[in-house]
Amino acid sequence: MLKKNLLFAVLLFTVITILAACGGNSSEDSKAVSGPAASDGEARTLRISLGLNDQHPLYKSSEKFKEIVESQTDSLKVEIYHSGQIADDRSAIEMLQFGTLDITIPSSAPFVPFVPEYGVFDLPFTLTDTEMVDAVLQGEFGDMLASKAESQGVVQLAWWENGFRQLTNNSKPISKLEDLDGLKIRVMENETHIASWKALGANPTPMAFTELFTAMQQKTVDGQENPYPSILLEKYPEVQKYLTETNHVYSPFLFLFSKKIWEELTPEHQEIIRNAAVEAGEYNRDLTRQTSEEALEELKTQMEFTEISDEELGKFKEAVKPVIDKYKSQIGTEVVDQYLAEIEKHSKE
């Protein structure tokens, strides 16, 4: 009997000890993993993926963002990856959706498959100068459009600037509409851009930006279209002879943040990041416009430059009118009407 009682006591003590240990661990784990105070002070590194190189205003503006953020908190660090080192624009956006990347800053065109309303910027020959750009994007219309990004798992924190797109090629000077007939031009993977160049008589060829230089070098395409800083900094004069000022499309950059990661941040960190994105965006616009003027002057020394007359430019605009009509409903009739109304309003000021 004594042995049985002793055995029972030992077993009972063992069970109580195990239960107490499990209960204690559970409480500690809960505090370590889910306690809000634990995550507030955690150090976090924000990774930015850029498609352009480290000499472009986009990279320098990203450095400005990094400087602002890191000057305001020790718990946020920023790493910048240029030249598509992490991913191309579309893949980077998808990574934001999954929460495997923090930030990317693409042109608006790669974002159109995610939010069709951003296609307003692909409508050719609509925004015509920087004053109009600022009035449209920094006002109610820009705020309304940016709010639509969250439906796709990303948060747009600011409008940055890529600039007005210009045409280069290695075949002939382009001074009139007929000069574009059959010209094989690399374009972004965007339906409106493709349709616009077809309407102008060219042969548009969509491909990733990272493949473009090689394609021109190997004469897979005759030419391409990009803002002046990109043309210069990507060294396109090495494989392109002719430059034509067309200003056919204005491309904004979108400062996009992963919504999944955004919602993990404290309100304090969100405020620091949002304010830094806006402040760096102002720096970006000034730098991009200055760099664009300087790039054009340099490009004129390396390429044969052509300006299209107002009369000929009118023919370009007339040729693409059916494209605007065709894609209006696809983009969103209400958004396009609002966009064009804003442009009309500011063109009269």
Protein backbone atom coordinates (compact mmCIF):
# COMPACT_ATOMS: atom_id res chain seq x y z
CA MET A 1 0.00 0.00 0.00
CA LEU A 2 2.84 2.36 0.94
CA LYS A 3 4.51 1.77 -2.43
CA LYS A 4 1.26 2.51 -4.29
CA ASN A 5 0.70 5.78 -2.37
CA LEU A 6 4.29 6.83 -2.96
CA LEU A 7 4.02 6.07 -6.70
CA PHE A 8 0.77 8.02 -6.91
CA ALA A 9 2.33 11.04 -5.19
CA VAL A 10 5.33 11.02 -7.54
CA LEU A 11 3.07 10.84 -10.61
CA LEU A 12 0.83 13.62 -9.32
CA PHE A 13 3.82 15.89 -8.63
CA THR A 14 5.20 15.23 -12.13
CA VAL A 15 1.90 16.10 -13.85
CA ILE A 16 1.51 19.31 -11.82
CA THR A 17 5.09 20.34 -12.64
CA ILE A 18 4.60 19.76 -16.39
CA LEU A 19 1.30 21.68 -16.45
CA ALA A 20 2.83 24.59 -14.57
CA ALA A 21 5.78 24.69 -16.97
CA CYS A 22 3.52 24.65 -20.03
CA GLY A 23 1.33 27.37 -18.61
CA GLY A 24 4.35 29.55 -17.85
CA ASN A 25 5.80 29.15 -21.33
CA SER A 26 2.47 29.97 -22.94
CA SER A 27 2.23 33.23 -21.02
CA GLU A 28 5.79 34.26 -21.91
CA ASP A 29 5.33 33.37 -25.60
CA SER A 30 2.18 35.46 -25.73
CA LYS A 31 3.99 38.48 -24.37
CA ALA A 32 6.98 38.06 -26.72
CA VAL A 33 5.02 37.48 -29.95
CA SER A 34 1.79 39.40 -29.75
CA GLY A 35 2.40 42.18 -27.24
CA PRO A 36 2.08 45.52 -29.10
CA ALA A 37 4.88 47.14 -27.12
CA ALA A 38 7.32 44.48 -28.36
CA SER A 39 6.86 45.40 -32.04
CA ASP A 40 6.90 49.18 -31.54
CA GLY A 41 10.63 49.36 -30.94
CA GLU A 42 11.67 46.70 -33.45
CA ALA A 43 14.23 47.74 -36.03
CA ARG A 44 12.95 47.36 -39.59
CA THR A 45 14.74 47.64 -42.92
CA LEU A 46 12.74 49.00 -45.85
CA ARG A 47 13.87 47.78 -49.28
CA ILE A 48 13.24 49.92 -52.37
CA SER A 49 13.28 48.33 -55.84
CA LEU A 50 14.02 50.66 -58.80
CA GLY A 51 14.16 49.82 -62.49
CA LEU A 52 16.56 52.66 -63.38
CA ASN A 53 20.27 53.03 -62.63
CA ASP A 54 21.99 54.81 -59.76
CA GLN A 55 22.71 57.96 -61.79
CA HIS A 56 19.05 58.70 -62.50
CA PRO A 57 17.09 61.37 -60.56
CA LEU A 58 14.85 58.57 -59.31
CA TYR A 59 17.75 56.96 -57.45
CA LYS A 60 19.02 60.28 -56.08
CA SER A 61 15.50 61.10 -54.89
CA SER A 62 15.29 57.69 -53.21
CA GLU A 63 18.51 58.57 -51.41
CA LYS A 64 16.77 61.76 -50.24
CA PHE A 65 13.88 59.66 -48.90
CA LYS A 66 16.37 57.43 -47.08
CA GLU A 67 18.11 60.45 -45.58
CA ILE A 68 14.85 61.93 -44.28
CA VAL A 69 13.59 58.67 -42.79
CA GLU A 70 16.83 57.70 -41.10
CA SER A 71 17.30 61.20 -39.67
CA GLN A 72 13.99 60.93 -37.83
CA THR A 73 14.22 57.47 -36.28
CA ASP A 74 16.85 54.89 -35.38
CA SER A 75 14.41 52.01 -35.85
CA LEU A 76 13.92 52.38 -39.63
CA LYS A 77 16.67 51.76 -42.17
CA VAL A 78 16.35 52.04 -45.97
CA GLU A 79 18.14 49.99 -48.63
CA ILE A 80 17.92 50.99 -52.32
CA TYR A 81 18.32 48.48 -55.16
CA HIS A 82 18.61 49.99 -58.65
CA SER A 83 18.68 48.70 -62.24
CA GLY A 84 16.08 45.98 -61.63
CA GLN A 85 18.40 44.10 -59.23
CA ILE A 86 15.41 42.79 -57.30
CA ALA A 87 12.75 42.68 -60.03
CA ASP A 88 11.27 44.49 -63.01
CA ASP A 89 8.47 46.98 -62.30
CA ARG A 90 5.53 44.61 -62.65
CA SER A 91 7.15 41.85 -60.59
CA ALA A 92 8.09 44.39 -57.91
CA ILE A 93 4.45 45.50 -57.64
CA GLU A 94 3.41 41.87 -57.21
CA MET A 95 6.02 41.48 -54.47
CA LEU A 96 4.45 44.44 -52.68
CA GLN A 97 1.09 42.68 -52.82
CA PHE A 98 2.58 39.59 -51.17
CA GLY A 99 4.49 41.63 -48.61
CA THR A 100 7.90 40.37 -49.79
CA LEU A 101 9.06 43.88 -50.77
CA ASP A 102 8.44 47.20 -49.04
CA ILE A 103 8.65 49.91 -51.71
CA THR A 104 8.84 50.30 -55.47
CA ILE A 105 8.60 53.48 -57.56
CA PRO A 106 7.46 52.57 -61.10
CA SER A 107 5.99 54.66 -63.87
CA SER A 108 2.21 54.63 -64.02
CA ALA A 109 2.00 52.37 -67.10
CA PRO A 110 3.10 49.10 -65.41
CA PHE A 111 0.47 49.75 -62.73
CA VAL A 112 -2.44 49.93 -65.19
CA PRO A 113 -3.05 46.13 -65.21
CA PHE A 114 -3.62 46.43 -61.46
CA VAL A 115 -5.69 49.66 -61.42
CA PRO A 116 -7.05 50.56 -64.90
CA GLU A 117 -7.83 54.17 -63.93
CA TYR A 118 -4.10 54.97 -63.93
CA GLY A 119 -4.36 54.58 -67.69
CA VAL A 120 -5.34 58.25 -67.98
CA PHE A 121 -1.63 59.05 -68.12
CA ASP A 122 -1.24 56.82 -71.16
CA LEU A 123 -3.69 58.88 -73.20
CA PRO A 124 -1.39 60.60 -75.73
CA PHE A 125 -0.93 64.35 -76.02
CA THR A 126 -3.12 65.25 -73.00
CA LEU A 127 -0.83 66.72 -70.32
CA THR A 128 1.33 69.27 -72.10
CA ASP A 129 3.45 71.17 -69.54
CA THR A 130 4.74 70.92 -65.98
CA GLU A 131 2.40 73.61 -64.59
CA MET A 132 -0.58 71.58 -65.77
CA VAL A 133 0.96 68.39 -64.38
CA ASP A 134 1.33 69.93 -60.92
CA ALA A 135 -2.20 71.32 -60.92
CA VAL A 136 -3.72 67.95 -61.86
CA LEU A 137 -1.61 65.61 -59.71
CA GLN A 138 -1.18 67.69 -56.56
CA GLY A 139 -4.90 68.47 -56.28
CA GLU A 140 -8.15 66.60 -55.70
CA PHE A 141 -7.85 64.50 -58.84
CA GLY A 142 -4.41 63.20 -57.86
CA ASP A 143 -5.63 62.38 -54.34
CA MET A 144 -8.69 60.57 -55.67
CA LEU A 145 -6.67 58.48 -58.09
CA ALA A 146 -3.98 57.58 -55.56
CA SER A 147 -6.63 56.28 -53.16
CA LYS A 148 -7.56 53.55 -55.66
CA ALA A 149 -4.21 51.77 -55.22
CA GLU A 150 -5.20 50.23 -51.88
CA SER A 151 -7.72 47.95 -53.58
CA GLN A 152 -4.72 46.09 -55.03
CA GLY A 153 -2.76 45.65 -51.82
CA VAL A 154 -0.49 48.68 -52.16
CA VAL A 155 -0.53 52.19 -50.72
CA GLN A 156 0.46 55.13 -52.92
CA LEU A 157 2.14 57.69 -50.67
CA ALA A 158 3.18 60.33 -53.22
CA TRP A 159 3.45 61.36 -56.86
CA TRP A 160 7.01 61.56 -58.18
CA GLU A 161 8.08 62.45 -61.71
CA ASN A 162 9.51 60.51 -64.62
CA GLY A 163 8.75 63.20 -67.18
CA PHE A 164 7.63 63.70 -70.75
CA ARG A 165 8.50 60.88 -73.10
CA GLN A 166 10.53 61.51 -76.27
CA LEU A 167 11.37 59.39 -79.30
CA THR A 168 14.75 58.06 -80.44
CA ASN A 169 15.62 55.76 -83.32
CA ASN A 170 18.57 54.60 -85.38
CA SER A 171 17.01 54.77 -88.85
CA LYS A 172 16.13 58.35 -89.80
CA PRO A 173 15.11 61.78 -88.50
CA ILE A 174 11.43 61.99 -87.55
CA SER A 175 9.87 65.35 -88.42
CA LYS A 176 6.45 64.38 -89.81
CA LEU A 177 3.83 61.70 -89.27
CA GLU A 178 4.77 59.72 -92.37
CA ASP A 179 8.31 59.24 -91.06
CA LEU A 180 6.97 56.80 -88.48
CA ASP A 181 5.62 54.32 -91.03
CA GLY A 182 6.83 50.82 -90.11
CA LEU A 183 9.37 52.04 -87.54
CA LYS A 184 9.86 49.31 -84.94
CA ILE A 185 9.66 51.03 -81.57
CA ARG A 186 10.04 49.42 -78.15
CA VAL A 187 7.17 50.41 -75.88
CA MET A 188 6.10 49.44 -72.38
CA GLU A 189 3.77 46.48 -71.99
CA ASN A 190 0.71 48.71 -72.09
CA GLU A 191 -2.28 48.46 -74.44
CA THR A 192 -2.82 52.21 -74.85
CA HIS A 193 0.84 52.86 -75.70
CA ILE A 194 0.77 50.03 -78.23
CA ALA A 195 -2.46 51.29 -79.81
CA SER A 196 -1.17 54.87 -79.94
CA TRP A 197 1.98 53.97 -81.85
CA LYS A 198 0.01 51.79 -84.22
CA ALA A 199 -2.32 54.72 -84.89
CA LEU A 200 0.75 56.83 -85.68
CA GLY A 201 1.89 54.22 -88.23
CA ALA A 202 4.76 52.68 -86.26
CA ASN A 203 5.32 49.03 -85.36
CA PRO A 204 5.30 48.98 -81.52
CA THR A 205 7.17 46.16 -79.77
CA PRO A 206 6.50 45.72 -76.03
CA MET A 207 9.37 44.50 -73.87
CA ALA A 208 10.84 44.97 -70.40
CA PHE A 209 12.99 48.05 -69.82
CA THR A 210 15.91 45.88 -68.69
CA GLU A 211 16.01 44.23 -72.16
CA LEU A 212 15.90 47.45 -74.17
CA PHE A 213 19.57 48.39 -74.63
CA THR A 214 20.47 44.94 -75.93
CA ALA A 215 17.46 44.96 -78.26
CA MET A 216 18.59 48.25 -79.82
CA GLN A 217 22.19 47.09 -79.96
CA GLN A 218 21.16 43.93 -81.81
CA LYS A 219 18.71 45.92 -83.98
CA THR A 220 15.75 43.90 -82.74
CA VAL A 221 14.02 47.29 -82.55
CA ASP A 222 14.74 50.55 -84.39
CA GLY A 223 14.04 52.84 -81.49
CA GLN A 224 12.32 53.58 -78.19
CA GLU A 225 10.60 56.36 -76.21
CA ASN A 226 11.61 57.63 -72.77
CA PRO A 227 12.26 60.93 -70.95
CA TYR A 228 15.54 62.74 -71.67
CA PRO A 229 17.34 61.75 -68.43
CA SER A 230 16.69 58.05 -69.08
CA ILE A 231 17.88 58.35 -72.69
CA LEU A 232 21.16 59.93 -71.58
CA LEU A 233 21.87 57.95 -68.43
CA GLU A 234 21.07 54.59 -70.01
CA LYS A 235 23.61 55.53 -72.74
CA TYR A 236 21.17 55.15 -75.62
CA PRO A 237 23.19 57.51 -77.89
CA GLU A 238 25.65 54.62 -78.18
CA VAL A 239 23.03 52.69 -80.17
CA GLN A 240 20.66 55.48 -81.34
CA LYS A 241 21.41 58.33 -83.73
CA TYR A 242 18.19 60.37 -83.96
CA LEU A 243 16.28 62.18 -81.22
CA THR A 244 12.84 63.77 -81.70
CA GLU A 245 11.03 65.92 -79.16
CA THR A 246 7.45 64.63 -79.11
CA ASN A 247 6.23 65.08 -75.49
CA HIS A 248 3.61 62.50 -76.45
CA VAL A 249 3.02 61.15 -72.93
CA TYR A 250 3.73 62.43 -69.44
CA SER A 251 4.86 59.66 -67.07
CA PRO A 252 4.55 60.12 -63.31
CA PHE A 253 6.38 57.86 -60.90
CA LEU A 254 4.23 56.26 -58.21
CA PHE A 255 5.70 55.90 -54.72
CA LEU A 256 4.13 52.56 -53.76
CA PHE A 257 4.31 50.81 -50.38
CA SER A 258 3.17 47.28 -49.54
CA LYS A 259 -0.21 47.55 -47.78
CA LYS A 260 0.49 44.34 -45.90
CA ILE A 261 3.70 45.77 -44.43
CA TRP A 262 2.18 49.25 -44.00
CA GLU A 263 -0.45 47.84 -41.67
CA GLU A 264 2.29 46.26 -39.50
CA LEU A 265 3.91 49.65 -38.88
CA THR A 266 3.21 51.91 -35.92
CA PRO A 267 1.33 55.17 -36.60
CA GLU A 268 4.56 57.03 -35.84
CA HIS A 269 6.50 55.10 -38.47
CA GLN A 270 3.68 55.55 -40.99
CA GLU A 271 3.76 59.31 -40.50
CA ILE A 272 7.54 59.47 -40.90
CA ILE A 273 7.44 57.42 -44.11
CA ARG A 274 4.48 59.26 -45.65
CA ASN A 275 5.97 62.70 -44.95
CA ALA A 276 9.36 61.59 -46.26
CA ALA A 277 7.78 60.27 -49.49
CA VAL A 278 6.03 63.62 -50.08
CA GLU A 279 9.09 65.73 -49.21
CA ALA A 280 11.39 63.59 -51.34
CA GLY A 281 8.78 63.83 -54.12
CA GLU A 282 9.10 67.62 -54.17
CA TYR A 283 12.86 67.23 -54.34
CA ASN A 284 12.38 64.66 -57.12
CA ARG A 285 10.27 66.95 -59.31
CA ASP A 286 12.75 69.82 -59.06
CA LEU A 287 15.72 67.54 -59.72
CA THR A 288 14.03 65.72 -62.61
CA ARG A 289 13.11 68.95 -64.40
CA GLN A 290 16.58 70.40 -63.98
CA THR A 291 18.18 67.13 -65.07
CA SER A 292 15.85 66.93 -68.09
CA GLU A 293 17.00 70.34 -69.36
CA GLU A 294 20.64 69.44 -68.82
CA ALA A 295 20.19 66.02 -70.43
CA LEU A 296 18.63 67.53 -73.55
CA GLU A 297 21.56 69.91 -74.02
CA GLU A 298 24.00 67.02 -73.69
CA LEU A 299 21.98 64.76 -76.00
CA LYS A 300 22.03 67.44 -78.69
CA THR A 301 25.81 67.07 -78.80
CA GLN A 302 25.56 63.30 -79.27
CA MET A 303 22.48 62.84 -81.47
CA GLU A 304 20.72 64.54 -84.36
CA PHE A 305 17.85 66.48 -82.76
CA THR A 306 14.52 67.29 -84.39
CA GLU A 307 11.60 69.42 -83.19
CA ILE A 308 8.21 68.76 -84.75
CA SER A 309 6.37 71.83 -86.04
CA ASP A 310 3.02 72.76 -84.49
CA GLU A 311 1.29 71.98 -87.78
CA GLU A 312 2.75 68.47 -87.95
CA LEU A 313 2.15 67.89 -84.25
CA GLY A 314 -1.52 68.61 -84.92
CA LYS A 315 -1.53 65.67 -87.33
CA PHE A 316 -0.04 63.41 -84.63
CA LYS A 317 -2.78 64.45 -82.19
CA GLU A 318 -5.51 63.91 -84.77
CA ALA A 319 -4.19 60.42 -85.58
CA VAL A 320 -4.47 59.25 -81.95
CA LYS A 321 -7.95 60.62 -81.18
CA PRO A 322 -9.57 57.21 -81.89
CA VAL A 323 -7.25 55.68 -79.26
CA ILE A 324 -8.59 58.03 -76.58
CA ASP A 325 -12.17 57.18 -77.59
CA LYS A 326 -11.44 53.45 -77.63
CA TYR A 327 -9.80 53.22 -74.20
CA LYS A 328 -12.00 55.71 -72.40
CA SER A 329 -14.47 53.09 -71.19
CA GLN A 330 -11.70 50.61 -70.37
CA ILE A 331 -9.92 53.14 -68.17
CA GLY A 332 -13.16 54.41 -66.69
CA THR A 333 -15.39 56.97 -68.42
CA GLU A 334 -15.98 58.99 -65.26
CA VAL A 335 -12.26 59.16 -64.40
CA VAL A 336 -11.25 60.11 -67.95
CA ASP A 337 -13.91 62.85 -68.09
CA GLN A 338 -12.71 64.21 -64.75
CA TYR A 339 -9.08 64.08 -65.92
CA LEU A 340 -9.79 65.86 -69.21
CA ALA A 341 -11.96 68.44 -67.40
CA GLU A 342 -9.06 69.20 -65.02
CA ILE A 343 -6.73 69.62 -67.99
CA GLU A 344 -9.19 71.91 -69.78
CA LYS A 345 -9.67 73.97 -66.62
CA HIS A 346 -5.95 74.54 -66.12
CA SER A 347 -5.20 75.10 -69.81
CA LYS A 348 -7.43 78.20 -69.63
CA GLU A 349 -5.74 79.66 -66.56
